[in-house]
Amino acid sequence: MFSLIAAESAMFTIFVVAYIFYNGKSLSGPLPKDVLETPIFITICLLSSSLTIHFAVRALRAAKVGAFGLWWFLTLALGAIFLAGTAREWHHMIFEKGLTISTNLFGTTYYSLVGLHAFHVTVGLIAIAVAMIFTLLGEVKPEHSERAEVFSLYWHFVDVVWVIVFTVVYIIGR
């Protein structure tokens, strides 16, 4: 997992640097200040999901499979809310503000960076959903806590990356 996170960190670094480098270089609008709204609620949801996955792993380690299932489900729900909020933001920007990936340099770098992050959230949610199905089928046991903990490293990584993306796109980049 640490190797995957290192490789993914390098890839995200390239996208973040590209966003920063090209920020403000679009010759036509819309520009970030014209279309971006700070996604506070969905950010709180995603960052809270790091806490819920931590509690899930801790519950499984303590052989509390029911509590694990509850915390794991909350992680799934919070991540899904985040992803739905991102989709809603994109819909608004595309259909109401006219910003697409091909509109200008800002659109290209914005959708590439935020889209890369959304892809990673989607992959994480699929893995969480699969584990949730196994939990509901009674297949998850305390001896699986190490696997859950290893996966939680990926989920924490996705959250840390969002803090960077949020800062670069919605705070610095406006």
N, C-alpha and C. Protein backbone atom coordinates (compact mmCIF):
# COMPACT_ATOMS: atom_id res chain seq x y z
N MET A 1 0.83 -1.19 0.00
CA MET A 1 0.00 0.00 0.00
C MET A 1 0.87 1.26 0.00
N PHE A 2 1.98 1.20 0.73
CA PHE A 2 2.86 2.38 0.76
C PHE A 2 3.45 2.66 -0.63
N SER A 3 3.75 1.63 -1.39
CA SER A 3 4.26 1.82 -2.75
C SER A 3 3.20 2.44 -3.65
N LEU A 4 1.97 1.97 -3.52
CA LEU A 4 0.87 2.54 -4.30
C LEU A 4 0.68 4.01 -3.95
N ILE A 5 0.68 4.31 -2.67
CA ILE A 5 0.51 5.70 -2.23
C ILE A 5 1.64 6.58 -2.73
N ALA A 6 2.86 6.06 -2.72
CA ALA A 6 4.00 6.84 -3.23
C ALA A 6 3.83 7.13 -4.72
N ALA A 7 3.45 6.12 -5.48
CA ALA A 7 3.25 6.31 -6.92
C ALA A 7 2.10 7.28 -7.19
N GLU A 8 1.02 7.12 -6.47
CA GLU A 8 -0.13 8.01 -6.65
C GLU A 8 0.21 9.44 -6.21
N SER A 9 1.02 9.57 -5.20
CA SER A 9 1.44 10.90 -4.75
C SER A 9 2.22 11.62 -5.85
N ALA A 10 3.08 10.88 -6.53
CA ALA A 10 3.85 11.47 -7.63
C ALA A 10 2.91 11.93 -8.74
N MET A 11 1.93 11.11 -9.05
CA MET A 11 0.99 11.48 -10.11
C MET A 11 0.17 12.72 -9.71
N PHE A 12 -0.33 12.75 -8.49
CA PHE A 12 -1.08 13.91 -8.04
C PHE A 12 -0.21 15.16 -8.00
N THR A 13 1.05 14.99 -7.64
CA THR A 13 1.96 16.14 -7.62
C THR A 13 2.06 16.77 -9.00
N ILE A 14 2.17 15.94 -10.02
CA ILE A 14 2.25 16.45 -11.39
C ILE A 14 0.99 17.23 -11.74
N PHE A 15 -0.18 16.70 -11.39
CA PHE A 15 -1.44 17.38 -11.71
C PHE A 15 -1.59 18.69 -10.92
N VAL A 16 -1.18 18.69 -9.67
CA VAL A 16 -1.27 19.90 -8.85
C VAL A 16 -0.32 20.97 -9.40
N VAL A 17 0.90 20.57 -9.73
CA VAL A 17 1.86 21.53 -10.28
C VAL A 17 1.35 22.09 -11.60
N ALA A 18 0.78 21.25 -12.44
CA ALA A 18 0.22 21.72 -13.72
C ALA A 18 -0.90 22.73 -13.46
N TYR A 19 -1.77 22.42 -12.50
CA TYR A 19 -2.87 23.34 -12.18
C TYR A 19 -2.31 24.69 -11.73
N ILE A 20 -1.36 24.65 -10.84
CA ILE A 20 -0.76 25.90 -10.32
C ILE A 20 -0.06 26.66 -11.45
N PHE A 21 0.71 25.95 -12.28
CA PHE A 21 1.46 26.58 -13.36
C PHE A 21 0.54 27.27 -14.36
N TYR A 22 -0.56 26.60 -14.73
CA TYR A 22 -1.45 27.13 -15.76
C TYR A 22 -2.55 28.03 -15.20
N ASN A 23 -2.65 28.13 -13.88
CA ASN A 23 -3.68 28.97 -13.28
C ASN A 23 -3.49 30.42 -13.69
N GLY A 24 -4.55 31.03 -14.15
CA GLY A 24 -4.49 32.43 -14.57
C GLY A 24 -3.99 32.65 -15.98
N LYS A 25 -3.72 31.58 -16.71
CA LYS A 25 -3.18 31.72 -18.07
C LYS A 25 -4.24 31.50 -19.15
N SER A 26 -5.49 31.29 -18.74
CA SER A 26 -6.55 31.14 -19.74
C SER A 26 -6.80 32.49 -20.39
N LEU A 27 -6.93 32.48 -21.71
CA LEU A 27 -7.15 33.71 -22.45
C LEU A 27 -8.63 34.08 -22.53
N SER A 28 -9.49 33.11 -22.24
CA SER A 28 -10.93 33.38 -22.27
C SER A 28 -11.56 32.76 -21.03
N GLY A 29 -12.77 33.20 -20.73
CA GLY A 29 -13.49 32.70 -19.56
C GLY A 29 -14.31 31.49 -19.89
N PRO A 30 -14.98 30.97 -18.92
CA PRO A 30 -15.01 31.47 -17.55
C PRO A 30 -13.73 31.13 -16.78
N LEU A 31 -13.47 31.96 -15.79
CA LEU A 31 -12.29 31.80 -14.94
C LEU A 31 -12.71 31.24 -13.59
N PRO A 32 -11.75 30.80 -12.77
CA PRO A 32 -12.11 30.21 -11.46
C PRO A 32 -13.04 31.09 -10.64
N LYS A 33 -12.77 32.37 -10.58
CA LYS A 33 -13.60 33.27 -9.77
C LYS A 33 -15.03 33.36 -10.30
N ASP A 34 -15.23 33.02 -11.57
CA ASP A 34 -16.55 33.10 -12.18
C ASP A 34 -17.40 31.86 -11.91
N VAL A 35 -16.78 30.72 -11.66
CA VAL A 35 -17.55 29.47 -11.58
C VAL A 35 -17.39 28.68 -10.29
N LEU A 36 -16.31 28.88 -9.56
CA LEU A 36 -16.06 28.04 -8.39
C LEU A 36 -16.80 28.53 -7.15
N GLU A 37 -17.42 27.60 -6.49
CA GLU A 37 -18.01 27.83 -5.17
C GLU A 37 -17.30 26.89 -4.22
N THR A 38 -16.96 27.34 -3.05
CA THR A 38 -16.20 26.53 -2.11
C THR A 38 -17.06 25.40 -1.57
N PRO A 39 -16.67 24.15 -1.82
CA PRO A 39 -17.48 22.99 -1.42
C PRO A 39 -17.24 22.57 0.05
N ILE A 40 -17.67 23.42 0.96
CA ILE A 40 -17.42 23.19 2.38
C ILE A 40 -18.11 21.91 2.87
N PHE A 41 -19.41 21.76 2.58
CA PHE A 41 -20.16 20.62 3.12
C PHE A 41 -19.57 19.28 2.67
N ILE A 42 -19.31 19.15 1.37
CA ILE A 42 -18.80 17.86 0.92
C ILE A 42 -17.37 17.62 1.42
N THR A 43 -16.63 18.68 1.63
CA THR A 43 -15.29 18.54 2.20
C THR A 43 -15.38 18.02 3.63
N ILE A 44 -16.30 18.55 4.40
CA ILE A 44 -16.51 18.06 5.77
C ILE A 44 -16.90 16.58 5.74
N CYS A 45 -17.76 16.21 4.79
CA CYS A 45 -18.16 14.81 4.68
C CYS A 45 -16.96 13.91 4.39
N LEU A 46 -16.16 14.30 3.40
CA LEU A 46 -15.01 13.46 3.04
C LEU A 46 -14.01 13.36 4.19
N LEU A 47 -13.70 14.48 4.80
CA LEU A 47 -12.72 14.44 5.89
C LEU A 47 -13.27 13.68 7.10
N SER A 48 -14.56 13.75 7.33
CA SER A 48 -15.18 12.97 8.41
C SER A 48 -15.09 11.48 8.14
N SER A 49 -15.06 11.11 6.87
CA SER A 49 -14.98 9.69 6.54
C SER A 49 -13.64 9.07 6.96
N SER A 50 -12.61 9.89 7.12
CA SER A 50 -11.35 9.37 7.66
C SER A 50 -11.53 8.95 9.11
N LEU A 51 -12.32 9.71 9.82
CA LEU A 51 -12.61 9.37 11.22
C LEU A 51 -13.47 8.11 11.31
N THR A 52 -14.49 8.01 10.46
CA THR A 52 -15.36 6.84 10.52
C THR A 52 -14.63 5.56 10.12
N ILE A 53 -13.73 5.65 9.14
CA ILE A 53 -13.00 4.43 8.77
C ILE A 53 -12.02 4.03 9.88
N HIS A 54 -11.47 5.03 10.56
CA HIS A 54 -10.60 4.75 11.71
C HIS A 54 -11.39 4.01 12.79
N PHE A 55 -12.58 4.50 13.10
CA PHE A 55 -13.42 3.84 14.10
C PHE A 55 -13.85 2.44 13.65
N ALA A 56 -14.06 2.26 12.35
CA ALA A 56 -14.42 0.94 11.82
C ALA A 56 -13.30 -0.06 12.05
N VAL A 57 -12.09 0.33 11.71
CA VAL A 57 -10.94 -0.57 11.89
C VAL A 57 -10.75 -0.88 13.37
N ARG A 58 -10.86 0.14 14.20
CA ARG A 58 -10.71 -0.06 15.64
C ARG A 58 -11.77 -1.03 16.18
N ALA A 59 -13.00 -0.90 15.70
CA ALA A 59 -14.08 -1.80 16.14
C ALA A 59 -13.79 -3.23 15.70
N LEU A 60 -13.32 -3.41 14.48
CA LEU A 60 -13.03 -4.75 13.99
C LEU A 60 -11.89 -5.38 14.78
N ARG A 61 -10.89 -4.59 15.10
CA ARG A 61 -9.78 -5.08 15.92
C ARG A 61 -10.28 -5.55 17.28
N ALA A 62 -11.31 -4.89 17.79
CA ALA A 62 -11.87 -5.23 19.10
C ALA A 62 -12.96 -6.30 18.98
N ALA A 63 -13.07 -6.94 17.83
CA ALA A 63 -14.03 -8.01 17.57
C ALA A 63 -15.48 -7.53 17.66
N LYS A 64 -15.72 -6.27 17.37
CA LYS A 64 -17.07 -5.71 17.35
C LYS A 64 -17.49 -5.55 15.88
N VAL A 65 -17.86 -6.67 15.27
CA VAL A 65 -18.16 -6.69 13.84
C VAL A 65 -19.39 -5.83 13.52
N GLY A 66 -20.37 -5.81 14.39
CA GLY A 66 -21.55 -4.97 14.17
C GLY A 66 -21.20 -3.50 14.14
N ALA A 67 -20.38 -3.07 15.08
CA ALA A 67 -19.93 -1.68 15.11
C ALA A 67 -19.07 -1.37 13.89
N PHE A 68 -18.23 -2.34 13.52
CA PHE A 68 -17.44 -2.18 12.30
C PHE A 68 -18.36 -1.90 11.11
N GLY A 69 -19.39 -2.71 10.96
CA GLY A 69 -20.33 -2.54 9.84
C GLY A 69 -20.97 -1.17 9.82
N LEU A 70 -21.34 -0.68 11.00
CA LEU A 70 -21.96 0.64 11.09
C LEU A 70 -20.97 1.74 10.67
N TRP A 71 -19.76 1.72 11.24
CA TRP A 71 -18.76 2.73 10.90
C TRP A 71 -18.35 2.63 9.43
N TRP A 72 -18.25 1.40 8.93
CA TRP A 72 -17.87 1.18 7.54
C TRP A 72 -18.95 1.75 6.61
N PHE A 73 -20.21 1.50 6.97
CA PHE A 73 -21.32 2.04 6.18
C PHE A 73 -21.32 3.57 6.20
N LEU A 74 -21.05 4.14 7.36
CA LEU A 74 -20.98 5.61 7.45
C LEU A 74 -19.87 6.16 6.56
N THR A 75 -18.75 5.45 6.49
CA THR A 75 -17.66 5.84 5.60
C THR A 75 -18.14 5.82 4.15
N LEU A 76 -18.83 4.76 3.79
CA LEU A 76 -19.39 4.63 2.44
C LEU A 76 -20.36 5.77 2.14
N ALA A 77 -21.24 6.06 3.08
CA ALA A 77 -22.24 7.12 2.88
C ALA A 77 -21.58 8.49 2.74
N LEU A 78 -20.61 8.78 3.60
CA LEU A 78 -19.93 10.08 3.54
C LEU A 78 -19.16 10.24 2.23
N GLY A 79 -18.50 9.17 1.81
CA GLY A 79 -17.77 9.22 0.53
C GLY A 79 -18.73 9.39 -0.64
N ALA A 80 -19.89 8.73 -0.58
CA ALA A 80 -20.89 8.86 -1.64
C ALA A 80 -21.46 10.27 -1.69
N ILE A 81 -21.67 10.87 -0.53
CA ILE A 81 -22.15 12.26 -0.48
C ILE A 81 -21.12 13.18 -1.14
N PHE A 82 -19.85 12.95 -0.83
CA PHE A 82 -18.79 13.75 -1.43
C PHE A 82 -18.82 13.61 -2.95
N LEU A 83 -18.91 12.39 -3.43
CA LEU A 83 -18.89 12.15 -4.88
C LEU A 83 -20.13 12.75 -5.55
N ALA A 84 -21.28 12.63 -4.92
CA ALA A 84 -22.50 13.23 -5.46
C ALA A 84 -22.38 14.75 -5.50
N GLY A 85 -21.76 15.33 -4.47
CA GLY A 85 -21.54 16.77 -4.45
C GLY A 85 -20.61 17.23 -5.55
N THR A 86 -19.60 16.43 -5.82
CA THR A 86 -18.68 16.74 -6.92
C THR A 86 -19.43 16.68 -8.26
N ALA A 87 -20.26 15.66 -8.42
CA ALA A 87 -21.05 15.53 -9.66
C ALA A 87 -22.00 16.71 -9.81
N ARG A 88 -22.60 17.12 -8.72
CA ARG A 88 -23.52 18.28 -8.75
C ARG A 88 -22.76 19.55 -9.13
N GLU A 89 -21.56 19.71 -8.57
CA GLU A 89 -20.73 20.87 -8.90
C GLU A 89 -20.38 20.87 -10.39
N TRP A 90 -20.00 19.72 -10.91
CA TRP A 90 -19.65 19.63 -12.32
C TRP A 90 -20.85 19.93 -13.20
N HIS A 91 -22.00 19.40 -12.84
CA HIS A 91 -23.22 19.65 -13.61
C HIS A 91 -23.49 21.16 -13.68
N HIS A 92 -23.38 21.81 -12.55
CA HIS A 92 -23.59 23.26 -12.46
C HIS A 92 -22.58 24.00 -13.34
N MET A 93 -21.33 23.61 -13.27
CA MET A 93 -20.28 24.30 -14.01
C MET A 93 -20.41 24.06 -15.51
N ILE A 94 -20.80 22.87 -15.90
CA ILE A 94 -20.90 22.55 -17.33
C ILE A 94 -22.16 23.17 -17.94
N PHE A 95 -23.32 22.93 -17.31
CA PHE A 95 -24.58 23.31 -17.94
C PHE A 95 -25.06 24.71 -17.60
N GLU A 96 -24.60 25.26 -16.49
CA GLU A 96 -25.04 26.60 -16.12
C GLU A 96 -23.95 27.65 -16.33
N LYS A 97 -22.71 27.27 -16.16
CA LYS A 97 -21.61 28.22 -16.31
C LYS A 97 -20.83 28.06 -17.61
N GLY A 98 -21.04 26.95 -18.30
CA GLY A 98 -20.40 26.75 -19.59
C GLY A 98 -18.93 26.35 -19.55
N LEU A 99 -18.47 25.82 -18.42
CA LEU A 99 -17.08 25.40 -18.33
C LEU A 99 -16.98 23.89 -18.57
N THR A 100 -16.31 23.52 -19.64
CA THR A 100 -16.05 22.10 -19.91
C THR A 100 -14.55 21.88 -19.91
N ILE A 101 -14.15 20.65 -20.10
CA ILE A 101 -12.73 20.34 -20.12
C ILE A 101 -12.02 20.98 -21.32
N SER A 102 -12.78 21.29 -22.35
CA SER A 102 -12.18 21.88 -23.55
C SER A 102 -12.46 23.38 -23.71
N THR A 103 -13.09 23.99 -22.72
CA THR A 103 -13.41 25.42 -22.81
C THR A 103 -12.15 26.28 -22.82
N ASN A 104 -11.27 26.03 -21.89
CA ASN A 104 -10.03 26.81 -21.77
C ASN A 104 -9.04 26.02 -20.91
N LEU A 105 -7.90 26.62 -20.67
CA LEU A 105 -6.85 25.96 -19.90
C LEU A 105 -7.31 25.68 -18.46
N PHE A 106 -8.05 26.62 -17.87
CA PHE A 106 -8.58 26.38 -16.53
C PHE A 106 -9.48 25.15 -16.51
N GLY A 107 -10.40 25.05 -17.47
CA GLY A 107 -11.30 23.89 -17.52
C GLY A 107 -10.53 22.59 -17.65
N THR A 108 -9.51 22.60 -18.49
CA THR A 108 -8.70 21.39 -18.69
C THR A 108 -8.00 20.97 -17.40
N THR A 109 -7.33 21.91 -16.75
CA THR A 109 -6.58 21.55 -15.55
C THR A 109 -7.51 21.27 -14.37
N TYR A 110 -8.61 22.02 -14.27
CA TYR A 110 -9.56 21.79 -13.17
C TYR A 110 -10.16 20.40 -13.25
N TYR A 111 -10.76 20.05 -14.40
CA TYR A 111 -11.41 18.75 -14.53
C TYR A 111 -10.40 17.62 -14.45
N SER A 112 -9.18 17.84 -14.92
CA SER A 112 -8.16 16.79 -14.82
C SER A 112 -7.79 16.52 -13.37
N LEU A 113 -7.54 17.57 -12.61
CA LEU A 113 -7.12 17.40 -11.21
C LEU A 113 -8.27 16.91 -10.34
N VAL A 114 -9.40 17.58 -10.39
CA VAL A 114 -10.54 17.19 -9.55
C VAL A 114 -11.09 15.84 -10.03
N GLY A 115 -11.05 15.61 -11.33
CA GLY A 115 -11.50 14.32 -11.87
C GLY A 115 -10.62 13.17 -11.43
N LEU A 116 -9.32 13.39 -11.40
CA LEU A 116 -8.40 12.36 -10.92
C LEU A 116 -8.73 12.01 -9.46
N HIS A 117 -8.98 13.02 -8.67
CA HIS A 117 -9.34 12.76 -7.28
C HIS A 117 -10.68 12.03 -7.18
N ALA A 118 -11.65 12.46 -7.96
CA ALA A 118 -12.97 11.80 -7.93
C ALA A 118 -12.85 10.34 -8.36
N PHE A 119 -11.97 10.06 -9.31
CA PHE A 119 -11.73 8.68 -9.72
C PHE A 119 -11.21 7.85 -8.54
N HIS A 120 -10.28 8.41 -7.80
CA HIS A 120 -9.73 7.70 -6.64
C HIS A 120 -10.78 7.50 -5.56
N VAL A 121 -11.65 8.46 -5.37
CA VAL A 121 -12.75 8.29 -4.41
C VAL A 121 -13.67 7.17 -4.89
N THR A 122 -13.97 7.15 -6.18
CA THR A 122 -14.83 6.10 -6.75
C THR A 122 -14.25 4.72 -6.54
N VAL A 123 -12.96 4.57 -6.81
CA VAL A 123 -12.29 3.27 -6.59
C VAL A 123 -12.39 2.87 -5.12
N GLY A 124 -12.14 3.83 -4.23
CA GLY A 124 -12.26 3.55 -2.80
C GLY A 124 -13.66 3.15 -2.40
N LEU A 125 -14.65 3.83 -2.95
CA LEU A 125 -16.04 3.50 -2.62
C LEU A 125 -16.44 2.12 -3.12
N ILE A 126 -15.92 1.73 -4.26
CA ILE A 126 -16.19 0.38 -4.76
C ILE A 126 -15.62 -0.66 -3.79
N ALA A 127 -14.39 -0.43 -3.35
CA ALA A 127 -13.76 -1.36 -2.40
C ALA A 127 -14.53 -1.38 -1.08
N ILE A 128 -14.95 -0.23 -0.60
CA ILE A 128 -15.72 -0.16 0.64
C ILE A 128 -17.05 -0.88 0.48
N ALA A 129 -17.70 -0.70 -0.67
CA ALA A 129 -18.98 -1.36 -0.92
C ALA A 129 -18.83 -2.88 -0.96
N VAL A 130 -17.77 -3.36 -1.58
CA VAL A 130 -17.52 -4.81 -1.62
C VAL A 130 -17.32 -5.35 -0.20
N ALA A 131 -16.51 -4.65 0.59
CA ALA A 131 -16.30 -5.08 1.97
C ALA A 131 -17.60 -5.00 2.77
N MET A 132 -18.44 -4.03 2.45
CA MET A 132 -19.73 -3.90 3.14
C MET A 132 -20.62 -5.09 2.81
N ILE A 133 -20.61 -5.52 1.57
CA ILE A 133 -21.39 -6.71 1.17
C ILE A 133 -20.90 -7.93 1.95
N PHE A 134 -19.59 -8.11 2.02
CA PHE A 134 -19.05 -9.24 2.79
C PHE A 134 -19.41 -9.13 4.26
N THR A 135 -19.46 -7.92 4.78
CA THR A 135 -19.85 -7.71 6.18
C THR A 135 -21.30 -8.14 6.38
N LEU A 136 -22.17 -7.73 5.47
CA LEU A 136 -23.59 -8.09 5.57
C LEU A 136 -23.81 -9.59 5.42
N LEU A 137 -22.93 -10.24 4.68
CA LEU A 137 -23.02 -11.70 4.50
C LEU A 137 -22.39 -12.47 5.66
N GLY A 138 -21.83 -11.74 6.62
CA GLY A 138 -21.22 -12.38 7.78
C GLY A 138 -19.84 -12.93 7.54
N GLU A 139 -19.21 -12.50 6.49
CA GLU A 139 -17.89 -13.03 6.12
C GLU A 139 -16.73 -12.23 6.72
N VAL A 140 -17.00 -11.07 7.28
CA VAL A 140 -15.93 -10.25 7.85
C VAL A 140 -15.75 -10.64 9.31
N LYS A 141 -14.51 -10.89 9.65
CA LYS A 141 -14.17 -11.36 11.00
C LYS A 141 -13.06 -10.47 11.57
N PRO A 142 -12.86 -10.53 12.87
CA PRO A 142 -11.79 -9.72 13.49
C PRO A 142 -10.41 -9.97 12.88
N GLU A 143 -10.17 -11.17 12.40
CA GLU A 143 -8.85 -11.44 11.80
C GLU A 143 -8.64 -10.70 10.48
N HIS A 144 -9.67 -10.07 9.97
CA HIS A 144 -9.54 -9.25 8.76
C HIS A 144 -9.21 -7.79 9.06
N SER A 145 -8.99 -7.48 10.33
CA SER A 145 -8.76 -6.08 10.71
C SER A 145 -7.49 -5.51 10.07
N GLU A 146 -6.48 -6.36 9.88
CA GLU A 146 -5.25 -5.85 9.25
C GLU A 146 -5.50 -5.44 7.81
N ARG A 147 -6.32 -6.21 7.10
CA ARG A 147 -6.66 -5.85 5.72
C ARG A 147 -7.44 -4.54 5.68
N ALA A 148 -8.37 -4.41 6.61
CA ALA A 148 -9.16 -3.17 6.68
C ALA A 148 -8.25 -1.99 6.99
N GLU A 149 -7.29 -2.21 7.86
CA GLU A 149 -6.37 -1.12 8.21
C GLU A 149 -5.50 -0.73 7.03
N VAL A 150 -5.03 -1.70 6.27
CA VAL A 150 -4.22 -1.40 5.09
C VAL A 150 -5.05 -0.60 4.09
N PHE A 151 -6.29 -1.04 3.87
CA PHE A 151 -7.14 -0.27 2.94
C PHE A 151 -7.40 1.14 3.48
N SER A 152 -7.55 1.27 4.79
CA SER A 152 -7.82 2.60 5.36
C SER A 152 -6.69 3.58 5.06
N LEU A 153 -5.47 3.07 4.87
CA LEU A 153 -4.36 3.94 4.48
C LEU A 153 -4.65 4.61 3.14
N TYR A 154 -5.21 3.85 2.21
CA TYR A 154 -5.60 4.40 0.91
C TYR A 154 -6.66 5.48 1.10
N TRP A 155 -7.66 5.21 1.92
CA TRP A 155 -8.74 6.16 2.13
C TRP A 155 -8.22 7.44 2.80
N HIS A 156 -7.32 7.30 3.76
CA HIS A 156 -6.72 8.48 4.39
C HIS A 156 -5.91 9.27 3.35
N PHE A 157 -5.22 8.56 2.47
CA PHE A 157 -4.47 9.21 1.40
C PHE A 157 -5.39 10.05 0.51
N VAL A 158 -6.53 9.47 0.13
CA VAL A 158 -7.50 10.19 -0.69
C VAL A 158 -7.97 11.46 0.02
N ASP A 159 -8.15 11.38 1.32
CA ASP A 159 -8.56 12.56 2.10
C ASP A 159 -7.46 13.61 2.16
N VAL A 160 -6.23 13.19 2.37
CA VAL A 160 -5.11 14.13 2.41
C VAL A 160 -4.95 14.82 1.06
N VAL A 161 -5.08 14.06 -0.01
CA VAL A 161 -4.99 14.64 -1.35
C VAL A 161 -6.09 15.69 -1.53
N TRP A 162 -7.29 15.41 -1.01
CA TRP A 162 -8.37 16.39 -1.15
C TRP A 162 -8.03 17.70 -0.43
N VAL A 163 -7.39 17.61 0.72
CA VAL A 163 -6.99 18.83 1.43
C VAL A 163 -6.07 19.67 0.54
N ILE A 164 -5.16 19.02 -0.16
CA ILE A 164 -4.25 19.72 -1.06
C ILE A 164 -5.01 20.29 -2.26
N VAL A 165 -5.85 19.45 -2.88
CA VAL A 165 -6.64 19.90 -4.04
C VAL A 165 -7.55 21.06 -3.63
N PHE A 166 -8.23 20.93 -2.52
CA PHE A 166 -9.12 21.98 -2.02
C PHE A 166 -8.36 23.29 -1.84
N THR A 167 -7.21 23.19 -1.21
CA THR A 167 -6.40 24.39 -0.96
C THR A 167 -5.94 25.04 -2.25
N VAL A 168 -5.44 24.23 -3.17
CA VAL A 168 -4.91 24.75 -4.43
C VAL A 168 -6.02 25.30 -5.34
N VAL A 169 -7.11 24.56 -5.46
CA VAL A 169 -8.17 24.96 -6.40
C VAL A 169 -9.10 26.02 -5.82
N TYR A 170 -9.58 25.79 -4.60
CA TYR A 170 -10.66 26.63 -4.08
C TYR A 170 -10.19 27.80 -3.21
N ILE A 171 -8.95 27.74 -2.75
CA ILE A 171 -8.46 28.85 -1.91
C ILE A 171 -7.40 29.65 -2.66
N ILE A 172 -6.31 29.01 -3.04
CA ILE A 172 -5.22 29.71 -3.73
C ILE A 172 -5.61 30.08 -5.17
N GLY A 173 -6.26 29.14 -5.86
CA GLY A 173 -6.53 29.30 -7.28
C GLY A 173 -7.65 30.24 -7.65
N ARG A 174 -8.31 30.84 -6.70
CA ARG A 174 -9.43 31.73 -7.02
C ARG A 174 -8.90 33.12 -7.13
